[in-house]
Amino acid sequence: QQAIVQEMMQAVKAHDVVVVGMGMNPFPKKVRKALDDAGQPYQYLEYGNYFSTWRERNALKLWTGFPTFPMVFVRGQLLGGAEDTEKAIADGTLKALLDAK
């Protein structure tokens, strides 16, 4: 499943914020809304749903070591999931990560 990992790695290198999600899961939609409300642009990658492409998504989980979706990357580093991102927006951590050089 190297192609899906390569695609995600390229997106993470090319964009400051990347959200990796899947259909039918409410949490990617929740984190995208939080980022939209904060005025933060992001790249969104969606891989299947609960009934399809689970093998490909499993490769992403193994590569990142993060067990759930969404996976939110900021400047190439895994920030976490929806709750982690909402907390980072609220406490200013996300802005600090983006402002850091």
Protein backbone atom coordinates (compact mmCIF):
# COMPACT_ATOMS: atom_id res chain seq x y z
CA GLN A 1 0.00 0.00 0.00
CA GLN A 2 2.96 2.26 -0.64
CA ALA A 3 1.08 4.54 -3.08
CA ILE A 4 -1.35 5.83 -0.46
CA VAL A 5 1.48 6.54 1.98
CA GLN A 6 3.46 8.34 -0.74
CA GLU A 7 0.42 10.45 -1.65
CA MET A 8 -0.07 11.46 1.97
CA MET A 9 3.63 12.23 2.44
CA GLN A 10 3.63 14.49 -0.62
CA ALA A 11 0.57 16.38 0.64
CA VAL A 12 2.14 16.82 4.08
CA LYS A 13 5.29 18.26 2.48
CA ALA A 14 3.34 20.59 0.18
CA HIS A 15 0.79 22.05 2.63
CA ASP A 16 1.01 23.62 6.09
CA VAL A 17 -2.09 21.78 7.33
CA VAL A 18 -3.31 18.43 6.02
CA VAL A 19 -6.39 16.55 7.21
CA VAL A 20 -6.58 12.86 6.33
CA GLY A 21 -10.02 11.35 6.75
CA MET A 22 -12.56 8.88 5.54
CA GLY A 23 -16.20 9.01 4.50
CA MET A 24 -19.01 8.15 6.91
CA ASN A 25 -16.86 9.20 9.88
CA PRO A 26 -18.17 12.39 11.54
CA PHE A 27 -14.83 13.45 13.04
CA PRO A 28 -13.08 14.51 9.81
CA LYS A 29 -16.09 16.74 9.07
CA LYS A 30 -15.92 18.12 12.63
CA VAL A 31 -12.22 19.03 12.39
CA ARG A 32 -12.65 20.55 8.94
CA LYS A 33 -15.44 22.76 10.28
CA ALA A 34 -13.23 23.83 13.20
CA LEU A 35 -10.41 24.74 10.79
CA ASP A 36 -12.84 26.57 8.50
CA ASP A 37 -14.26 28.51 11.46
CA ALA A 38 -10.70 29.44 12.49
CA GLY A 39 -9.96 30.63 8.94
CA GLN A 40 -7.17 28.08 8.56
CA PRO A 41 -6.64 26.70 5.04
CA TYR A 42 -5.90 22.99 4.77
CA GLN A 43 -5.58 20.17 2.28
CA TYR A 44 -8.09 17.35 2.74
CA LEU A 45 -7.43 13.76 1.67
CA GLU A 46 -10.23 11.22 1.96
CA TYR A 47 -9.71 7.49 1.71
CA GLY A 48 -12.82 5.38 1.41
CA ASN A 49 -15.30 4.69 4.20
CA TYR A 50 -15.99 2.02 6.78
CA PHE A 51 -16.79 -0.47 4.01
CA SER A 52 -13.99 0.19 1.54
CA THR A 53 -10.23 0.71 1.32
CA TRP A 54 -9.61 -0.37 4.92
CA ARG A 55 -6.32 -2.00 3.91
CA GLU A 56 -5.05 1.26 2.47
CA ARG A 57 -6.11 3.19 5.57
CA ASN A 58 -4.43 0.57 7.73
CA ALA A 59 -1.14 1.33 5.95
CA LEU A 60 -1.54 4.99 6.97
CA LYS A 61 -2.20 3.98 10.57
CA LEU A 62 0.91 1.83 10.61
CA TRP A 63 3.06 4.54 9.01
CA THR A 64 1.92 7.26 11.43
CA GLY A 65 1.42 5.14 14.53
CA PHE A 66 -1.91 6.96 15.01
CA PRO A 67 -4.90 4.61 15.30
CA THR A 68 -7.84 6.78 14.22
CA PHE A 69 -9.11 9.25 11.64
CA PRO A 70 -8.85 12.10 11.08
CA MET A 71 -5.11 12.55 11.16
CA VAL A 72 -4.15 16.21 11.20
CA PHE A 73 -0.64 17.23 10.20
CA VAL A 74 0.79 20.69 10.82
CA ARG A 75 4.02 21.60 9.06
CA GLY A 76 4.89 17.95 8.52
CA GLN A 77 4.22 16.81 12.08
CA LEU A 78 1.23 14.78 13.25
CA LEU A 79 -0.84 16.99 15.55
CA GLY A 80 -3.44 14.32 16.30
CA GLY A 81 -7.14 13.92 15.70
CA ALA A 82 -10.23 16.11 15.88
CA GLU A 83 -10.12 16.75 19.64
CA ASP A 84 -6.39 17.49 19.57
CA THR A 85 -6.87 19.97 16.74
CA GLU A 86 -9.84 21.69 18.35
CA LYS A 87 -7.81 22.08 21.54
CA ALA A 88 -4.81 23.43 19.57
CA ILE A 89 -7.06 25.99 17.87
CA ALA A 90 -8.62 27.07 21.18
CA ASP A 91 -5.37 27.43 23.15
CA GLY A 92 -3.34 29.02 20.34
CA THR A 93 -1.01 26.06 19.82
CA LEU A 94 -2.01 25.68 16.17
CA LYS A 95 -1.22 29.33 15.44
CA ALA A 96 2.12 29.02 17.26
CA LEU A 97 3.04 25.91 15.25
CA LEU A 98 2.19 27.67 12.00
CA ASP A 99 4.03 30.85 12.97
CA ALA A 100 7.19 28.99 14.03
CA LYS A 101 9.96 28.95 11.45
